């Protein structure tokens, strides 16, 4: 798959097959994701990989939009440490989450980004330190759906040229 094809065919997948993702595949997803850029190469992050079905169901019950966590076979929690990148930690974490998401797609898996900001229940369930911020939980697994592309703004609508 070309880079362009990878980027334009990624979809948010919320329904997953009842099939475990092998640890080797998870490691490969993370091997690719660790190359995500960060300001000053601070890499102010860590990833919490959740495969425990009971914990996934608890995470999925925190909010209605989190329901895919209760149906997936693995979740990736992107955790950042603000003291390591005080100005850019949220952006750095979002970039890492995007790399995970794209790496999942490249490996034939699907995923959906669950917004975790302002939801302390997630951090509590994952046992995070008070100094850590959970930027995203990505519910992932083998897709049980193939969502159609959603409308996108045209290049003209989203671009301003300054010459």
C-alpha atoms as a PDB file:
ATOM      1  CA  UNK A   1       0.000   0.000   0.000  1.00  0.00           C
ATOM      2  CA  UNK A   2       1.353   3.414  -0.889  1.00  0.00           C
ATOM      3  CA  UNK A   3       1.701   6.101   1.762  1.00  0.00           C
ATOM      4  CA  UNK A   4      -1.118   8.081   0.125  1.00  0.00           C
ATOM      5  CA  UNK A   5      -3.391   5.026   0.080  1.00  0.00           C
ATOM      6  CA  UNK A   6      -2.614   4.305   3.738  1.00  0.00           C
ATOM      7  CA  UNK A   7      -3.488   7.834   4.766  1.00  0.00           C
ATOM      8  CA  UNK A   8      -6.704   8.234   2.754  1.00  0.00           C
ATOM      9  CA  UNK A   9      -8.137   4.761   3.495  1.00  0.00           C
ATOM     10  CA  UNK A  10      -7.810   4.887   7.289  1.00  0.00           C
ATOM     11  CA  UNK A  11     -11.208   4.953   8.978  1.00  0.00           C
ATOM     12  CA  UNK A  12     -12.467   5.022  12.537  1.00  0.00           C
ATOM     13  CA  UNK A  13     -13.459   1.433  13.286  1.00  0.00           C
ATOM     14  CA  UNK A  14     -15.827   0.866  16.216  1.00  0.00           C
ATOM     15  CA  UNK A  15     -16.846  -2.773  15.668  1.00  0.00           C
ATOM     16  CA  UNK A  16     -14.276  -5.528  16.093  1.00  0.00           C
ATOM     17  CA  UNK A  17     -14.047  -9.257  15.477  1.00  0.00           C
ATOM     18  CA  UNK A  18     -13.856 -11.573  18.489  1.00  0.00           C
ATOM     19  CA  UNK A  19     -10.210 -12.270  17.727  1.00  0.00           C
ATOM     20  CA  UNK A  20      -7.104 -11.501  19.762  1.00  0.00           C
ATOM     21  CA  UNK A  21      -4.336  -9.381  18.306  1.00  0.00           C
ATOM     22  CA  UNK A  22      -1.049 -11.267  18.771  1.00  0.00           C
ATOM     23  CA  UNK A  23       1.566  -9.610  20.960  1.00  0.00           C
ATOM     24  CA  UNK A  24       4.024  -9.703  18.038  1.00  0.00           C
ATOM     25  CA  UNK A  25       1.669  -7.534  15.968  1.00  0.00           C
ATOM     26  CA  UNK A  26       1.206  -5.126  18.895  1.00  0.00           C
ATOM     27  CA  UNK A  27       4.984  -4.860  19.269  1.00  0.00           C
ATOM     28  CA  UNK A  28       5.349  -4.103  15.561  1.00  0.00           C
ATOM     29  CA  UNK A  29       2.655  -1.400  15.774  1.00  0.00           C
ATOM     30  CA  UNK A  30       4.590   0.146  18.664  1.00  0.00           C
ATOM     31  CA  UNK A  31       7.925  -0.247  16.867  1.00  0.00           C
ATOM     32  CA  UNK A  32       6.576   1.923  14.047  1.00  0.00           C
ATOM     33  CA  UNK A  33       4.850   4.380  16.398  1.00  0.00           C
ATOM     34  CA  UNK A  34       7.970   5.044  18.450  1.00  0.00           C
ATOM     35  CA  UNK A  35       9.347   6.965  15.451  1.00  0.00           C
ATOM     36  CA  UNK A  36       6.724   9.686  15.929  1.00  0.00           C
ATOM     37  CA  UNK A  37       8.271  13.145  16.103  1.00  0.00           C
ATOM     38  CA  UNK A  38       8.136  15.293  19.223  1.00  0.00           C
ATOM     39  CA  UNK A  39       9.358  18.790  19.980  1.00  0.00           C
ATOM     40  CA  UNK A  40      13.101  18.733  20.709  1.00  0.00           C
ATOM     41  CA  UNK A  41      12.819  14.920  20.449  1.00  0.00           C
ATOM     42  CA  UNK A  42      11.681  14.925  24.089  1.00  0.00           C
ATOM     43  CA  UNK A  43       9.492  11.830  23.600  1.00  0.00           C
ATOM     44  CA  UNK A  44       7.488  12.742  26.741  1.00  0.00           C
ATOM     45  CA  UNK A  45       5.300   9.672  26.498  1.00  0.00           C
ATOM     46  CA  UNK A  46       4.656   6.079  27.295  1.00  0.00           C
ATOM     47  CA  UNK A  47       2.045   3.654  26.026  1.00  0.00           C
ATOM     48  CA  UNK A  48      -0.178   1.490  28.211  1.00  0.00           C
ATOM     49  CA  UNK A  49      -1.323  -1.597  26.303  1.00  0.00           C
ATOM     50  CA  UNK A  50      -4.533  -3.105  27.689  1.00  0.00           C
ATOM     51  CA  UNK A  51      -5.561  -6.641  26.728  1.00  0.00           C
ATOM     52  CA  UNK A  52      -7.473  -7.507  29.912  1.00  0.00           C
ATOM     53  CA  UNK A  53     -11.115  -7.952  28.802  1.00  0.00           C
ATOM     54  CA  UNK A  54     -12.547  -7.029  32.199  1.00  0.00           C
ATOM     55  CA  UNK A  55     -10.595  -3.772  32.279  1.00  0.00           C
ATOM     56  CA  UNK A  56     -11.535  -3.024  28.656  1.00  0.00           C
ATOM     57  CA  UNK A  57     -15.223  -3.385  29.576  1.00  0.00           C
ATOM     58  CA  UNK A  58     -14.766  -1.010  32.541  1.00  0.00           C
ATOM     59  CA  UNK A  59     -13.005   1.523  30.312  1.00  0.00           C
ATOM     60  CA  UNK A  60     -15.802   1.174  27.762  1.00  0.00           C
ATOM     61  CA  UNK A  61     -18.446   2.002  30.357  1.00  0.00           C
ATOM     62  CA  UNK A  62     -16.948   5.383  31.361  1.00  0.00           C
ATOM     63  CA  UNK A  63     -18.892   7.304  28.679  1.00  0.00           C
ATOM     64  CA  UNK A  64     -21.219   6.419  25.779  1.00  0.00           C
ATOM     65  CA  UNK A  65     -18.531   7.349  23.212  1.00  0.00           C
ATOM     66  CA  UNK A  66     -16.125   4.913  24.925  1.00  0.00           C
ATOM     67  CA  UNK A  67     -18.256   1.845  24.118  1.00  0.00           C
ATOM     68  CA  UNK A  68     -15.788   0.537  21.466  1.00  0.00           C
ATOM     69  CA  UNK A  69     -13.307  -0.102  24.307  1.00  0.00           C
ATOM     70  CA  UNK A  70     -15.680  -2.741  25.645  1.00  0.00           C
ATOM     71  CA  UNK A  71     -15.753  -4.500  22.262  1.00  0.00           C
ATOM     72  CA  UNK A  72     -12.089  -4.361  21.222  1.00  0.00           C
ATOM     73  CA  UNK A  73      -9.339  -6.880  21.901  1.00  0.00           C
ATOM     74  CA  UNK A  74      -6.617  -4.346  22.710  1.00  0.00           C
ATOM     75  CA  UNK A  75      -6.400  -0.687  23.644  1.00  0.00           C
ATOM     76  CA  UNK A  76      -3.455   1.683  23.528  1.00  0.00           C
ATOM     77  CA  UNK A  77      -3.333   4.404  26.158  1.00  0.00           C
ATOM     78  CA  UNK A  78      -1.098   7.318  25.178  1.00  0.00           C
ATOM     79  CA  UNK A  79       0.272   8.822  28.381  1.00  0.00           C
ATOM     80  CA  UNK A  80       2.353  12.005  28.455  1.00  0.00           C
ATOM     81  CA  UNK A  81       4.475  13.605  31.142  1.00  0.00           C
ATOM     82  CA  UNK A  82       3.990  17.385  31.053  1.00  0.00           C
ATOM     83  CA  UNK A  83       7.192  18.074  32.993  1.00  0.00           C
ATOM     84  CA  UNK A  84       9.207  16.551  30.131  1.00  0.00           C
ATOM     85  CA  UNK A  85       7.718  18.895  27.499  1.00  0.00           C
ATOM     86  CA  UNK A  86       5.767  21.635  29.311  1.00  0.00           C
ATOM     87  CA  UNK A  87       4.694  23.529  26.183  1.00  0.00           C
ATOM     88  CA  UNK A  88       4.134  20.691  23.687  1.00  0.00           C
ATOM     89  CA  UNK A  89       3.148  17.578  25.674  1.00  0.00           C
ATOM     90  CA  UNK A  90      -0.433  17.439  24.321  1.00  0.00           C
ATOM     91  CA  UNK A  91       0.661  17.887  20.708  1.00  0.00           C
ATOM     92  CA  UNK A  92       3.490  15.373  21.134  1.00  0.00           C
ATOM     93  CA  UNK A  93       1.045  12.838  22.592  1.00  0.00           C
ATOM     94  CA  UNK A  94      -1.463  13.451  19.797  1.00  0.00           C
ATOM     95  CA  UNK A  95       1.224  12.814  17.200  1.00  0.00           C
ATOM     96  CA  UNK A  96       2.185   9.534  18.870  1.00  0.00           C
ATOM     97  CA  UNK A  97      -1.486   8.505  18.991  1.00  0.00           C
ATOM     98  CA  UNK A  98      -1.803   9.265  15.281  1.00  0.00           C
ATOM     99  CA  UNK A  99       1.251   7.141  14.513  1.00  0.00           C
ATOM    100  CA  UNK A 100      -0.269   4.251  16.490  1.00  0.00           C
ATOM    101  CA  UNK A 101      -3.543   4.670  14.612  1.00  0.00           C
ATOM    102  CA  UNK A 102      -1.840   4.665  11.224  1.00  0.00           C
ATOM    103  CA  UNK A 103       0.399   1.747  12.184  1.00  0.00           C
ATOM    104  CA  UNK A 104      -2.692  -0.234  13.179  1.00  0.00           C
ATOM    105  CA  UNK A 105      -4.189   0.410   9.743  1.00  0.00           C
ATOM    106  CA  UNK A 106      -0.937  -0.598   8.011  1.00  0.00           C
ATOM    107  CA  UNK A 107      -1.081  -3.911   9.900  1.00  0.00           C
ATOM    108  CA  UNK A 108      -4.659  -4.672   8.819  1.00  0.00           C
ATOM    109  CA  UNK A 109      -6.182  -3.614  12.121  1.00  0.00           C
ATOM    110  CA  UNK A 110      -8.821  -1.030  12.857  1.00  0.00           C
ATOM    111  CA  UNK A 111      -9.045   1.491  15.629  1.00  0.00           C
ATOM    112  CA  UNK A 112     -10.900   4.465  16.992  1.00  0.00           C
ATOM    113  CA  UNK A 113      -9.568   7.348  19.078  1.00  0.00           C
ATOM    114  CA  UNK A 114     -11.418   7.712  22.372  1.00  0.00           C
ATOM    115  CA  UNK A 115     -11.147  11.226  23.830  1.00  0.00           C
ATOM    116  CA  UNK A 116      -9.854  10.914  27.384  1.00  0.00           C
ATOM    117  CA  UNK A 117      -9.259  14.535  28.269  1.00  0.00           C
ATOM    118  CA  UNK A 118     -11.230  15.765  31.274  1.00  0.00           C
ATOM    119  CA  UNK A 119     -12.215  12.201  32.235  1.00  0.00           C
ATOM    120  CA  UNK A 120     -10.231  11.256  35.367  1.00  0.00           C
ATOM    121  CA  UNK A 121     -11.967   7.852  35.484  1.00  0.00           C
ATOM    122  CA  UNK A 122      -9.689   6.555  32.723  1.00  0.00           C
ATOM    123  CA  UNK A 123      -6.499   7.553  34.529  1.00  0.00           C
ATOM    124  CA  UNK A 124      -7.789   5.979  37.719  1.00  0.00           C
ATOM    125  CA  UNK A 125      -8.671   2.692  36.008  1.00  0.00           C
ATOM    126  CA  UNK A 126      -5.212   2.574  34.399  1.00  0.00           C
ATOM    127  CA  UNK A 127      -3.406   3.466  37.631  1.00  0.00           C
ATOM    128  CA  UNK A 128      -1.688   6.556  36.239  1.00  0.00           C
ATOM    129  CA  UNK A 129       0.360   8.895  38.383  1.00  0.00           C
ATOM    130  CA  UNK A 130      -1.093  12.349  39.167  1.00  0.00           C
ATOM    131  CA  UNK A 131       1.736  13.858  37.101  1.00  0.00           C
ATOM    132  CA  UNK A 132       0.683  11.945  33.962  1.00  0.00           C
ATOM    133  CA  UNK A 133      -1.919  12.944  31.373  1.00  0.00           C
ATOM    134  CA  UNK A 134      -3.817  10.394  29.299  1.00  0.00           C
ATOM    135  CA  UNK A 135      -4.123  12.001  25.864  1.00  0.00           C
ATOM    136  CA  UNK A 136      -5.994   9.192  24.122  1.00  0.00           C
ATOM    137  CA  UNK A 137      -7.190   5.634  24.330  1.00  0.00           C
ATOM    138  CA  UNK A 138      -7.258   3.862  20.998  1.00  0.00           C
ATOM    139  CA  UNK A 139      -9.624   0.895  20.886  1.00  0.00           C
ATOM    140  CA  UNK A 140      -8.208  -1.572  18.368  1.00  0.00           C
ATOM    141  CA  UNK A 141      -8.622  -4.986  16.839  1.00  0.00           C
ATOM    142  CA  UNK A 142      -9.477  -6.792  13.650  1.00  0.00           C
ATOM    143  CA  UNK A 143     -12.278  -4.805  11.972  1.00  0.00           C
ATOM    144  CA  UNK A 144     -15.798  -6.200  11.871  1.00  0.00           C
ATOM    145  CA  UNK A 145     -16.927  -3.278   9.706  1.00  0.00           C
ATOM    146  CA  UNK A 146     -15.667  -1.241   6.778  1.00  0.00           C
ATOM    147  CA  UNK A 147     -16.897   2.308   7.306  1.00  0.00           C
ATOM    148  CA  UNK A 148     -17.446   4.408   4.223  1.00  0.00           C
ATOM    149  CA  UNK A 149     -15.443   7.589   3.866  1.00  0.00           C
ATOM    150  CA  UNK A 150     -17.051  10.683   5.344  1.00  0.00           C
ATOM    151  CA  UNK A 151     -17.261  13.972   3.455  1.00  0.00           C
ATOM    152  CA  UNK A 152     -14.120  16.087   3.565  1.00  0.00           C
ATOM    153  CA  UNK A 153     -13.630  19.782   2.987  1.00  0.00           C
ATOM    154  CA  UNK A 154     -12.085  20.631  -0.357  1.00  0.00           C
ATOM    155  CA  UNK A 155      -8.499  21.807  -0.537  1.00  0.00           C
ATOM    156  CA  UNK A 156      -9.829  25.247  -1.489  1.00  0.00           C
ATOM    157  CA  UNK A 157     -11.981  25.415   1.665  1.00  0.00           C
ATOM    158  CA  UNK A 158      -9.136  24.610   4.027  1.00  0.00           C
ATOM    159  CA  UNK A 159      -6.259  26.446   2.368  1.00  0.00           C
ATOM    160  CA  UNK A 160      -5.064  30.026   2.503  1.00  0.00           C
ATOM    161  CA  UNK A 161      -2.170  30.895   0.234  1.00  0.00           C
ATOM    162  CA  UNK A 162       0.214  33.696   1.174  1.00  0.00           C
ATOM    163  CA  UNK A 163       2.520  34.574  -1.708  1.00  0.00           C
END
